[in-house]
Every structure is written in structure tokens, then in C-alpha cells.
Amino acid sequence: MHIKRYAYLDHNATTNVTSHVRRKMNHVLKYCYGNPSSLYAFARKSYEIMEEARQQVADAIHAEPYEIYFTGCATESNNAALKSVSNFFYPKRKRSFHTGRTSLSD
């Protein structure tokens, strides 16, 4: 008997999640979709869920919650990383980054 095996190598695009994560996401997407940055009561629940997730990620990688950033896309993540590295090595310089069609300036 021959068993087919494959390796999925495109986790940057999407990845399979565990059933626990899927259940949590389904609940949040259905009932807790308020903007976590807003001040109204409905949004506060989203904020609490986001902070709980931040703490869980921090615990998993032995980091502090304030070190965890959630971004909406790879470009946003790349820009944040570039700006952070630049701020660390060149704190007094004015910077402008150009990555593809987007730019991030001080």
C-alpha cells in the first residue's frame, strides 16, 4: 500500500487551525465583532478577547504582552518590523520606507 504524503508550505497565505481555535473564532466572528479600539460596551468585549489572545501568545513564546502586535496583513507586519529596527539602530534619523505600493514615514 502506498501512502500519499504532502507538505503544505504556504502558511503565509493561510493555515489549518485546530478545532478549539475554530470554535473560538466562530464565536468571536458571530457575537463579538465590535471594533476593539472603540469605547462603546459592545467593543469592550472584543478588546477583552484581543487582550486574552495577546496574553496567550506572550505566554506561549515567553514574552510580555506589550511585545505582541497583531496586524492585518503581511505588509503591515513588514512595515512595523522595519520601523522598529530603524528606530532601534537610528533613533534620531528621519525615515521613509517604501515597500511595494505602500510607504511608511515618520
PDB file of N, CA and C in Angstrom:
ATOM      1  N   MET A   1       0.838  -1.174   0.000  1.00  0.00           N
ATOM      2  CA  MET A   1       0.000   0.000   0.000  1.00  0.00           C
ATOM      3  C   MET A   1       0.893   1.250   0.000  1.00  0.00           C
ATOM      4  N   HIS A   2       0.564   2.184  -0.859  1.00  0.00           N
ATOM      5  CA  HIS A   2       1.327   3.428  -0.972  1.00  0.00           C
ATOM      6  C   HIS A   2       0.542   4.561  -0.312  1.00  0.00           C
ATOM      7  N   ILE A   3       1.170   5.245   0.648  1.00  0.00           N
ATOM      8  CA  ILE A   3       0.535   6.362   1.336  1.00  0.00           C
ATOM      9  C   ILE A   3       1.026   7.661   0.717  1.00  0.00           C
ATOM     10  N   LYS A   4       0.067   8.487   0.285  1.00  0.00           N
ATOM     11  CA  LYS A   4       0.444   9.787  -0.260  1.00  0.00           C
ATOM     12  C   LYS A   4       0.730  10.750   0.882  1.00  0.00           C
ATOM     13  N   ARG A   5       1.838  11.438   0.800  1.00  0.00           N
ATOM     14  CA  ARG A   5       2.199  12.454   1.780  1.00  0.00           C
ATOM     15  C   ARG A   5       2.450  13.757   1.045  1.00  0.00           C
ATOM     16  N   TYR A   6       2.158  14.821   1.708  1.00  0.00           N
ATOM     17  CA  TYR A   6       2.432  16.122   1.121  1.00  0.00           C
ATOM     18  C   TYR A   6       2.858  17.085   2.221  1.00  0.00           C
ATOM     19  N   ALA A   7       3.502  18.121   1.804  1.00  0.00           N
ATOM     20  CA  ALA A   7       3.925  19.168   2.734  1.00  0.00           C
ATOM     21  C   ALA A   7       3.289  20.476   2.272  1.00  0.00           C
ATOM     22  N   TYR A   8       2.515  21.083   3.129  1.00  0.00           N
ATOM     23  CA  TYR A   8       1.893  22.372   2.827  1.00  0.00           C
ATOM     24  C   TYR A   8       2.872  23.465   3.222  1.00  0.00           C
ATOM     25  N   LEU A   9       3.319  24.254   2.267  1.00  0.00           N
ATOM     26  CA  LEU A   9       4.376  25.231   2.516  1.00  0.00           C
ATOM     27  C   LEU A   9       3.919  26.684   2.360  1.00  0.00           C
ATOM     28  N   ASP A  10       2.626  26.914   2.273  1.00  0.00           N
ATOM     29  CA  ASP A  10       2.131  28.277   2.060  1.00  0.00           C
ATOM     30  C   ASP A  10       1.404  28.800   3.293  1.00  0.00           C
ATOM     31  N   HIS A  11       1.995  28.624   4.470  1.00  0.00           N
ATOM     32  CA  HIS A  11       1.358  29.075   5.707  1.00  0.00           C
ATOM     33  C   HIS A  11       1.273  30.590   5.813  1.00  0.00           C
ATOM     34  N   ASN A  12       2.013  31.323   4.978  1.00  0.00           N
ATOM     35  CA  ASN A  12       1.869  32.777   4.979  1.00  0.00           C
ATOM     36  C   ASN A  12       0.505  33.182   4.430  1.00  0.00           C
ATOM     37  N   ALA A  13      -0.034  32.383   3.536  1.00  0.00           N
ATOM     38  CA  ALA A  13      -1.337  32.696   2.944  1.00  0.00           C
ATOM     39  C   ALA A  13      -2.466  32.261   3.867  1.00  0.00           C
ATOM     40  N   THR A  14      -2.397  31.056   4.350  1.00  0.00           N
ATOM     41  CA  THR A  14      -3.419  30.515   5.242  1.00  0.00           C
ATOM     42  C   THR A  14      -2.889  29.232   5.861  1.00  0.00           C
ATOM     43  N   THR A  15      -3.495  28.825   6.925  1.00  0.00           N
ATOM     44  CA  THR A  15      -3.069  27.587   7.559  1.00  0.00           C
ATOM     45  C   THR A  15      -4.266  26.959   8.260  1.00  0.00           C
ATOM     46  N   ASN A  16      -4.228  25.675   8.432  1.00  0.00           N
ATOM     47  CA  ASN A  16      -5.293  24.967   9.120  1.00  0.00           C
ATOM     48  C   ASN A  16      -5.230  25.307  10.612  1.00  0.00           C
ATOM     49  N   VAL A  17      -6.367  25.381  11.253  1.00  0.00           N
ATOM     50  CA  VAL A  17      -6.397  25.666  12.688  1.00  0.00           C
ATOM     51  C   VAL A  17      -7.043  24.491  13.413  1.00  0.00           C
ATOM     52  N   THR A  18      -6.747  24.376  14.697  1.00  0.00           N
ATOM     53  CA  THR A  18      -7.324  23.295  15.496  1.00  0.00           C
ATOM     54  C   THR A  18      -8.814  23.555  15.704  1.00  0.00           C
ATOM     55  N   SER A  19      -9.535  22.524  16.083  1.00  0.00           N
ATOM     56  CA  SER A  19     -10.976  22.670  16.311  1.00  0.00           C
ATOM     57  C   SER A  19     -11.257  23.650  17.454  1.00  0.00           C
ATOM     58  N   HIS A  20     -10.395  23.678  18.465  1.00  0.00           N
ATOM     59  CA  HIS A  20     -10.564  24.630  19.570  1.00  0.00           C
ATOM     60  C   HIS A  20     -10.486  26.071  19.061  1.00  0.00           C
ATOM     61  N   VAL A  21      -9.477  26.356  18.241  1.00  0.00           N
ATOM     62  CA  VAL A  21      -9.313  27.700  17.672  1.00  0.00           C
ATOM     63  C   VAL A  21     -10.494  28.027  16.767  1.00  0.00           C
ATOM     64  N   ARG A  22     -10.921  27.070  15.953  1.00  0.00           N
ATOM     65  CA  ARG A  22     -12.051  27.291  15.045  1.00  0.00           C
ATOM     66  C   ARG A  22     -13.321  27.625  15.815  1.00  0.00           C
ATOM     67  N   ARG A  23     -13.591  26.917  16.908  1.00  0.00           N
ATOM     68  CA  ARG A  23     -14.790  27.199  17.723  1.00  0.00           C
ATOM     69  C   ARG A  23     -14.723  28.600  18.322  1.00  0.00           C
ATOM     70  N   LYS A  24     -13.564  28.960  18.848  1.00  0.00           N
ATOM     71  CA  LYS A  24     -13.388  30.294  19.438  1.00  0.00           C
ATOM     72  C   LYS A  24     -13.567  31.377  18.373  1.00  0.00           C
ATOM     73  N   MET A  25     -12.955  31.177  17.219  1.00  0.00           N
ATOM     74  CA  MET A  25     -13.076  32.161  16.141  1.00  0.00           C
ATOM     75  C   MET A  25     -14.523  32.292  15.672  1.00  0.00           C
ATOM     76  N   ASN A  26     -15.217  31.173  15.529  1.00  0.00           N
ATOM     77  CA  ASN A  26     -16.623  31.226  15.102  1.00  0.00           C
ATOM     78  C   ASN A  26     -17.459  32.035  16.089  1.00  0.00           C
ATOM     79  N   HIS A  27     -17.235  31.820  17.376  1.00  0.00           N
ATOM     80  CA  HIS A  27     -17.967  32.567  18.402  1.00  0.00           C
ATOM     81  C   HIS A  27     -17.662  34.067  18.295  1.00  0.00           C
ATOM     82  N   VAL A  28     -16.397  34.393  18.197  1.00  0.00           N
ATOM     83  CA  VAL A  28     -15.997  35.803  18.127  1.00  0.00           C
ATOM     84  C   VAL A  28     -16.546  36.456  16.861  1.00  0.00           C
ATOM     85  N   LEU A  29     -16.426  35.784  15.727  1.00  0.00           N
ATOM     86  CA  LEU A  29     -16.910  36.359  14.475  1.00  0.00           C
ATOM     87  C   LEU A  29     -18.424  36.553  14.477  1.00  0.00           C
ATOM     88  N   LYS A  30     -19.133  35.699  15.193  1.00  0.00           N
ATOM     89  CA  LYS A  30     -20.599  35.793  15.222  1.00  0.00           C
ATOM     90  C   LYS A  30     -21.106  36.777  16.276  1.00  0.00           C
ATOM     91  N   TYR A  31     -20.467  36.818  17.445  1.00  0.00           N
ATOM     92  CA  TYR A  31     -21.032  37.578  18.561  1.00  0.00           C
ATOM     93  C   TYR A  31     -20.175  38.750  19.059  1.00  0.00           C
ATOM     94  N   CYS A  32     -18.911  38.781  18.731  1.00  0.00           N
ATOM     95  CA  CYS A  32     -18.008  39.777  19.332  1.00  0.00           C
ATOM     96  C   CYS A  32     -17.233  40.524  18.255  1.00  0.00           C
ATOM     97  N   TYR A  33     -17.908  41.060  17.290  1.00  0.00           N
ATOM     98  CA  TYR A  33     -17.244  41.669  16.147  1.00  0.00           C
ATOM     99  C   TYR A  33     -17.066  43.181  16.266  1.00  0.00           C
ATOM    100  N   GLY A  34     -17.265  43.725  17.460  1.00  0.00           N
ATOM    101  CA  GLY A  34     -17.071  45.161  17.662  1.00  0.00           C
ATOM    102  C   GLY A  34     -15.611  45.546  17.502  1.00  0.00           C
ATOM    103  N   ASN A  35     -15.378  46.787  17.156  1.00  0.00           N
ATOM    104  CA  ASN A  35     -14.020  47.309  16.986  1.00  0.00           C
ATOM    105  C   ASN A  35     -13.341  47.380  18.354  1.00  0.00           C
ATOM    106  N   PRO A  36     -12.280  46.608  18.583  1.00  0.00           N
ATOM    107  CA  PRO A  36     -11.650  46.579  19.904  1.00  0.00           C
ATOM    108  C   PRO A  36     -11.007  47.915  20.307  1.00  0.00           C
ATOM    109  N   SER A  37     -10.862  48.824  19.373  1.00  0.00           N
ATOM    110  CA  SER A  37     -10.292  50.139  19.683  1.00  0.00           C
ATOM    111  C   SER A  37     -11.349  51.160  20.074  1.00  0.00           C
ATOM    112  N   SER A  38     -12.622  50.802  19.963  1.00  0.00           N
ATOM    113  CA  SER A  38     -13.705  51.727  20.302  1.00  0.00           C
ATOM    114  C   SER A  38     -14.035  51.658  21.785  1.00  0.00           C
ATOM    115  N   LEU A  39     -14.766  52.649  22.256  1.00  0.00           N
ATOM    116  CA  LEU A  39     -15.062  52.748  23.684  1.00  0.00           C
ATOM    117  C   LEU A  39     -16.445  52.245  24.082  1.00  0.00           C
ATOM    118  N   TYR A  40     -17.319  51.972  23.122  1.00  0.00           N
ATOM    119  CA  TYR A  40     -18.666  51.533  23.472  1.00  0.00           C
ATOM    120  C   TYR A  40     -18.657  50.101  24.018  1.00  0.00           C
ATOM    121  N   ALA A  41     -19.703  49.758  24.757  1.00  0.00           N
ATOM    122  CA  ALA A  41     -19.745  48.487  25.500  1.00  0.00           C
ATOM    123  C   ALA A  41     -19.556  47.264  24.602  1.00  0.00           C
ATOM    124  N   PHE A  42     -20.183  47.267  23.441  1.00  0.00           N
ATOM    125  CA  PHE A  42     -20.093  46.118  22.544  1.00  0.00           C
ATOM    126  C   PHE A  42     -18.637  45.877  22.132  1.00  0.00           C
ATOM    127  N   ALA A  43     -17.895  46.938  21.951  1.00  0.00           N
ATOM    128  CA  ALA A  43     -16.492  46.825  21.541  1.00  0.00           C
ATOM    129  C   ALA A  43     -15.600  46.366  22.689  1.00  0.00           C
ATOM    130  N   ARG A  44     -15.977  46.654  23.903  1.00  0.00           N
ATOM    131  CA  ARG A  44     -15.147  46.266  25.060  1.00  0.00           C
ATOM    132  C   ARG A  44     -14.937  44.752  25.109  1.00  0.00           C
ATOM    133  N   LYS A  45     -15.955  43.987  24.747  1.00  0.00           N
ATOM    134  CA  LYS A  45     -15.811  42.528  24.738  1.00  0.00           C
ATOM    135  C   LYS A  45     -14.754  42.111  23.722  1.00  0.00           C
ATOM    136  N   SER A  46     -14.747  42.746  22.560  1.00  0.00           N
ATOM    137  CA  SER A  46     -13.731  42.453  21.543  1.00  0.00           C
ATOM    138  C   SER A  46     -12.341  42.783  22.068  1.00  0.00           C
ATOM    139  N   TYR A  47     -12.244  43.907  22.767  1.00  0.00           N
ATOM    140  CA  TYR A  47     -10.963  44.311  23.350  1.00  0.00           C
ATOM    141  C   TYR A  47     -10.488  43.267  24.360  1.00  0.00           C
ATOM    142  N   GLU A  48     -11.387  42.801  25.217  1.00  0.00           N
ATOM    143  CA  GLU A  48     -11.024  41.794  26.222  1.00  0.00           C
ATOM    144  C   GLU A  48     -10.546  40.504  25.565  1.00  0.00           C
ATOM    145  N   ILE A  49     -11.217  40.094  24.506  1.00  0.00           N
ATOM    146  CA  ILE A  49     -10.825  38.877  23.788  1.00  0.00           C
ATOM    147  C   ILE A  49      -9.457  39.061  23.141  1.00  0.00           C
ATOM    148  N   MET A  50      -9.229  40.234  22.576  1.00  0.00           N
ATOM    149  CA  MET A  50      -7.945  40.524  21.943  1.00  0.00           C
ATOM    150  C   MET A  50      -6.822  40.499  22.973  1.00  0.00           C
ATOM    151  N   GLU A  51      -7.054  41.071  24.140  1.00  0.00           N
ATOM    152  CA  GLU A  51      -6.034  41.087  25.183  1.00  0.00           C
ATOM    153  C   GLU A  51      -5.786  39.684  25.744  1.00  0.00           C
ATOM    154  N   GLU A  52      -6.830  38.885  25.834  1.00  0.00           N
ATOM    155  CA  GLU A  52      -6.668  37.490  26.268  1.00  0.00           C
ATOM    156  C   GLU A  52      -5.789  36.743  25.263  1.00  0.00           C
ATOM    157  N   ALA A  53      -6.041  36.943  23.975  1.00  0.00           N
ATOM    158  CA  ALA A  53      -5.229  36.307  22.930  1.00  0.00           C
ATOM    159  C   ALA A  53      -3.787  36.792  23.000  1.00  0.00           C
ATOM    160  N   ARG A  54      -3.598  38.092  23.235  1.00  0.00           N
ATOM    161  CA  ARG A  54      -2.250  38.658  23.348  1.00  0.00           C
ATOM    162  C   ARG A  54      -1.487  37.982  24.494  1.00  0.00           C
ATOM    163  N   GLN A  55      -2.165  37.794  25.620  1.00  0.00           N
ATOM    164  CA  GLN A  55      -1.542  37.142  26.773  1.00  0.00           C
ATOM    165  C   GLN A  55      -1.206  35.687  26.460  1.00  0.00           C
ATOM    166  N   GLN A  56      -2.093  34.986  25.766  1.00  0.00           N
ATOM    167  CA  GLN A  56      -1.851  33.588  25.419  1.00  0.00           C
ATOM    168  C   GLN A  56      -0.644  33.454  24.490  1.00  0.00           C
ATOM    169  N   VAL A  57      -0.543  34.337  23.505  1.00  0.00           N
ATOM    170  CA  VAL A  57       0.612  34.299  22.599  1.00  0.00           C
ATOM    171  C   VAL A  57       1.890  34.617  23.373  1.00  0.00           C
ATOM    172  N   ALA A  58       1.836  35.633  24.212  1.00  0.00           N
ATOM    173  CA  ALA A  58       3.008  36.002  25.010  1.00  0.00           C
ATOM    174  C   ALA A  58       3.456  34.832  25.884  1.00  0.00           C
ATOM    175  N   ASP A  59       2.505  34.188  26.542  1.00  0.00           N
ATOM    176  CA  ASP A  59       2.848  33.043  27.386  1.00  0.00           C
ATOM    177  C   ASP A  59       3.482  31.918  26.568  1.00  0.00           C
ATOM    178  N   ALA A  60       2.953  31.689  25.368  1.00  0.00           N
ATOM    179  CA  ALA A  60       3.438  30.590  24.535  1.00  0.00           C
ATOM    180  C   ALA A  60       4.875  30.795  24.079  1.00  0.00           C
ATOM    181  N   ILE A  61       5.281  32.053  23.901  1.00  0.00           N
ATOM    182  CA  ILE A  61       6.645  32.311  23.405  1.00  0.00           C
ATOM    183  C   ILE A  61       7.526  32.983  24.451  1.00  0.00           C
ATOM    184  N   HIS A  62       7.074  32.962  25.705  1.00  0.00           N
ATOM    185  CA  HIS A  62       7.834  33.528  26.819  1.00  0.00           C
ATOM    186  C   HIS A  62       8.179  35.001  26.579  1.00  0.00           C
ATOM    187  N   ALA A  63       7.144  35.765  26.241  1.00  0.00           N
ATOM    188  CA  ALA A  63       7.297  37.199  26.002  1.00  0.00           C
ATOM    189  C   ALA A  63       6.351  37.946  26.932  1.00  0.00           C
ATOM    190  N   GLU A  64       6.430  39.256  26.882  1.00  0.00           N
ATOM    191  CA  GLU A  64       5.498  40.102  27.620  1.00  0.00           C
ATOM    192  C   GLU A  64       4.367  40.508  26.671  1.00  0.00           C
ATOM    193  N   PRO A  65       3.155  40.654  27.189  1.00  0.00           N
ATOM    194  CA  PRO A  65       2.032  41.026  26.314  1.00  0.00           C
ATOM    195  C   PRO A  65       2.273  42.306  25.519  1.00  0.00           C
ATOM    196  N   TYR A  66       2.964  43.283  26.094  1.00  0.00           N
ATOM    197  CA  TYR A  66       3.197  44.540  25.370  1.00  0.00           C
ATOM    198  C   TYR A  66       4.122  44.346  24.160  1.00  0.00           C
ATOM    199  N   GLU A  67       4.786  43.197  24.082  1.00  0.00           N
ATOM    200  CA  GLU A  67       5.667  42.914  22.950  1.00  0.00           C
ATOM    201  C   GLU A  67       4.925  42.272  21.779  1.00  0.00           C
ATOM    202  N   ILE A  68       3.665  41.950  21.960  1.00  0.00           N
ATOM    203  CA  ILE A  68       2.880  41.255  20.940  1.00  0.00           C
ATOM    204  C   ILE A  68       2.038  42.263  20.169  1.00  0.00           C
ATOM    205  N   TYR A  69       2.192  42.275  18.851  1.00  0.00           N
ATOM    206  CA  TYR A  69       1.417  43.142  17.973  1.00  0.00           C
ATOM    207  C   TYR A  69       0.619  42.279  17.012  1.00  0.00           C
ATOM    208  N   PHE A  70      -0.644  42.580  16.857  1.00  0.00           N
ATOM    209  CA  PHE A  70      -1.477  41.914  15.861  1.00  0.00           C
ATOM    210  C   PHE A  70      -1.632  42.869  14.685  1.00  0.00           C
ATOM    211  N   THR A  71      -1.405  42.374  13.493  1.00  0.00           N
ATOM    212  CA  THR A  71      -1.529  43.199  12.299  1.00  0.00           C
ATOM    213  C   THR A  71      -2.537  42.578  11.348  1.00  0.00           C
ATOM    214  N   GLY A  72      -2.964  43.361  10.383  1.00  0.00           N
ATOM    215  CA  GLY A  72      -3.988  42.909   9.453  1.00  0.00           C
ATOM    216  C   GLY A  72      -3.454  42.232   8.202  1.00  0.00           C
ATOM    217  N   CYS A  73      -2.158  42.384   7.938  1.00  0.00           N
ATOM    218  CA  CYS A  73      -1.615  41.798   6.714  1.00  0.00           C
ATOM    219  C   CYS A  73      -0.089  41.760   6.795  1.00  0.00           C
ATOM    220  N   ALA A  74       0.517  41.099   5.838  1.00  0.00           N
ATOM    221  CA  ALA A  74       1.975  40.964   5.816  1.00  0.00           C
ATOM    222  C   ALA A  74       2.656  42.312   5.610  1.00  0.00           C
ATOM    223  N   THR A  75       2.090  43.166   4.776  1.00  0.00           N
ATOM    224  CA  THR A  75       2.701  44.477   4.531  1.00  0.00           C
ATOM    225  C   THR A  75       2.746  45.289   5.812  1.00  0.00           C
ATOM    226  N   GLU A  76       1.657  45.271   6.558  1.00  0.00           N
ATOM    227  CA  GLU A  76       1.624  45.986   7.833  1.00  0.00           C
ATOM    228  C   GLU A  76       2.673  45.420   8.796  1.00  0.00           C
ATOM    229  N   SER A  77       2.798  44.113   8.839  1.00  0.00           N
ATOM    230  CA  SER A  77       3.797  43.470   9.698  1.00  0.00           C
ATOM    231  C   SER A  77       5.209  43.836   9.276  1.00  0.00           C
ATOM    232  N   ASN A  78       5.470  43.778   7.985  1.00  0.00           N
ATOM    233  CA  ASN A  78       6.803  44.121   7.483  1.00  0.00           C
ATOM    234  C   ASN A  78       7.141  45.576   7.786  1.00  0.00           C
ATOM    235  N   ASN A  79       6.182  46.477   7.578  1.00  0.00           N
ATOM    236  CA  ASN A  79       6.424  47.892   7.859  1.00  0.00           C
ATOM    237  C   ASN A  79       6.709  48.114   9.339  1.00  0.00           C
ATOM    238  N   ALA A  80       5.972  47.459  10.207  1.00  0.00           N
ATOM    239  CA  ALA A  80       6.197  47.602  11.649  1.00  0.00           C
ATOM    240  C   ALA A  80       7.585  47.090  12.033  1.00  0.00           C
ATOM    241  N   ALA A  81       7.992  45.967  11.454  1.00  0.00           N
ATOM    242  CA  ALA A  81       9.316  45.413  11.750  1.00  0.00           C
ATOM    243  C   ALA A  81      10.419  46.342  11.257  1.00  0.00           C
ATOM    244  N   LEU A  82      10.276  46.858  10.043  1.00  0.00           N
ATOM    245  CA  LEU A  82      11.285  47.780   9.505  1.00  0.00           C
ATOM    246  C   LEU A  82      11.389  49.046  10.346  1.00  0.00           C
ATOM    247  N   LYS A  83      10.262  49.597  10.729  1.00  0.00           N
ATOM    248  CA  LYS A  83      10.276  50.819  11.533  1.00  0.00           C
ATOM    249  C   LYS A  83      10.889  50.558  12.914  1.00  0.00           C
ATOM    250  N   SER A  84      10.569  49.423  13.502  1.00  0.00           N
ATOM    251  CA  SER A  84      11.105  49.077  14.813  1.00  0.00           C
ATOM    252  C   SER A  84      12.625  48.926  14.765  1.00  0.00           C
ATOM    253  N   VAL A  85      13.130  48.228  13.770  1.00  0.00           N
ATOM    254  CA  VAL A  85      14.578  48.040  13.636  1.00  0.00           C
ATOM    255  C   VAL A  85      15.256  49.383  13.387  1.00  0.00           C
ATOM    256  N   SER A  86      14.655  50.189  12.522  1.00  0.00           N
ATOM    257  CA  SER A  86      15.235  51.500  12.232  1.00  0.00           C
ATOM    258  C   SER A  86      15.243  52.390  13.474  1.00  0.00           C
ATOM    259  N   ASN A  87      14.154  52.392  14.232  1.00  0.00           N
ATOM    260  CA  ASN A  87      14.100  53.186  15.467  1.00  0.00           C
ATOM    261  C   ASN A  87      15.154  52.733  16.467  1.00  0.00           C
ATOM    262  N   PHE A  88      15.420  51.450  16.515  1.00  0.00           N
ATOM    263  CA  PHE A  88      16.411  50.915  17.448  1.00  0.00           C
ATOM    264  C   PHE A  88      17.827  51.345  17.059  1.00  0.00           C
ATOM    265  N   PHE A  89      18.173  51.173  15.778  1.00  0.00           N
ATOM    266  CA  PHE A  89      19.539  51.450  15.345  1.00  0.00           C
ATOM    267  C   PHE A  89      19.795  52.920  15.020  1.00  0.00           C
ATOM    268  N   TYR A  90      18.760  53.636  14.596  1.00  0.00           N
ATOM    269  CA  TYR A  90      18.916  55.042  14.205  1.00  0.00           C
ATOM    270  C   TYR A  90      17.804  55.879  14.831  1.00  0.00           C
ATOM    271  N   PRO A  91      17.802  56.043  16.149  1.00  0.00           N
ATOM    272  CA  PRO A  91      16.674  56.691  16.832  1.00  0.00           C
ATOM    273  C   PRO A  91      16.461  58.164  16.484  1.00  0.00           C
ATOM    274  N   LYS A  92      17.485  58.874  16.012  1.00  0.00           N
ATOM    275  CA  LYS A  92      17.342  60.308  15.764  1.00  0.00           C
ATOM    276  C   LYS A  92      17.195  60.661  14.289  1.00  0.00           C
ATOM    277  N   ARG A  93      17.200  59.688  13.422  1.00  0.00           N
ATOM    278  CA  ARG A  93      17.103  59.965  11.985  1.00  0.00           C
ATOM    279  C   ARG A  93      15.649  59.990  11.523  1.00  0.00           C
ATOM    280  N   LYS A  94      15.370  60.863  10.575  1.00  0.00           N
ATOM    281  CA  LYS A  94      14.069  60.863   9.917  1.00  0.00           C
ATOM    282  C   LYS A  94      14.102  59.739   8.883  1.00  0.00           C
ATOM    283  N   ARG A  95      13.013  58.992   8.821  1.00  0.00           N
ATOM    284  CA  ARG A  95      12.992  57.825   7.948  1.00  0.00           C
ATOM    285  C   ARG A  95      11.799  57.846   7.006  1.00  0.00           C
ATOM    286  N   SER A  96      11.984  57.197   5.885  1.00  0.00           N
ATOM    287  CA  SER A  96      10.895  56.944   4.954  1.00  0.00           C
ATOM    288  C   SER A  96      11.133  55.563   4.360  1.00  0.00           C
ATOM    289  N   PHE A  97      10.152  54.698   4.486  1.00  0.00           N
ATOM    290  CA  PHE A  97      10.260  53.344   3.939  1.00  0.00           C
ATOM    291  C   PHE A  97       9.300  53.214   2.772  1.00  0.00           C
ATOM    292  N   HIS A  98       9.738  52.532   1.753  1.00  0.00           N
ATOM    293  CA  HIS A  98       8.870  52.274   0.610  1.00  0.00           C
ATOM    294  C   HIS A  98       8.903  50.778   0.333  1.00  0.00           C
ATOM    295  N   THR A  99       7.763  50.147   0.522  1.00  0.00           N
ATOM    296  CA  THR A  99       7.680  48.698   0.306  1.00  0.00           C
ATOM    297  C   THR A  99       6.533  48.439  -0.659  1.00  0.00           C
ATOM    298  N   GLY A 100       6.874  48.165  -1.893  1.00  0.00           N
ATOM    299  CA  GLY A 100       5.836  47.932  -2.893  1.00  0.00           C
ATOM    300  C   GLY A 100       5.047  49.211  -3.142  1.00  0.00           C
ATOM    301  N   ARG A 101       3.737  49.130  -3.009  1.00  0.00           N
ATOM    302  CA  ARG A 101       2.870  50.273  -3.263  1.00  0.00           C
ATOM    303  C   ARG A 101       2.601  51.112  -2.024  1.00  0.00           C
ATOM    304  N   THR A 102       3.098  50.694  -0.888  1.00  0.00           N
ATOM    305  CA  THR A 102       2.809  51.429   0.347  1.00  0.00           C
ATOM    306  C   THR A 102       4.065  52.104   0.857  1.00  0.00           C
ATOM    307  N   SER A 103       3.890  53.127   1.653  1.00  0.00           N
ATOM    308  CA  SER A 103       5.052  53.756   2.296  1.00  0.00           C
ATOM    309  C   SER A 103       4.696  54.066   3.734  1.00  0.00           C
ATOM    310  N   LEU A 104       5.706  54.136   4.547  1.00  0.00           N
ATOM    311  CA  LEU A 104       5.556  54.412   5.969  1.00  0.00           C
ATOM    312  C   LEU A 104       6.591  55.461   6.326  1.00  0.00           C
ATOM    313  N   SER A 105       6.152  56.639   6.730  1.00  0.00           N
ATOM    314  CA  SER A 105       7.080  57.727   7.030  1.00  0.00           C
ATOM    315  C   SER A 105       6.879  58.226   8.444  1.00  0.00           C
ATOM    316  N   ASP A 106       7.926  58.779   9.033  1.00  0.00           N
ATOM    317  CA  ASP A 106       7.828  59.452  10.327  1.00  0.00           C
ATOM    318  C   ASP A 106       7.385  60.876  10.097  1.00  0.00           C
TER     319      ASP A 106
END
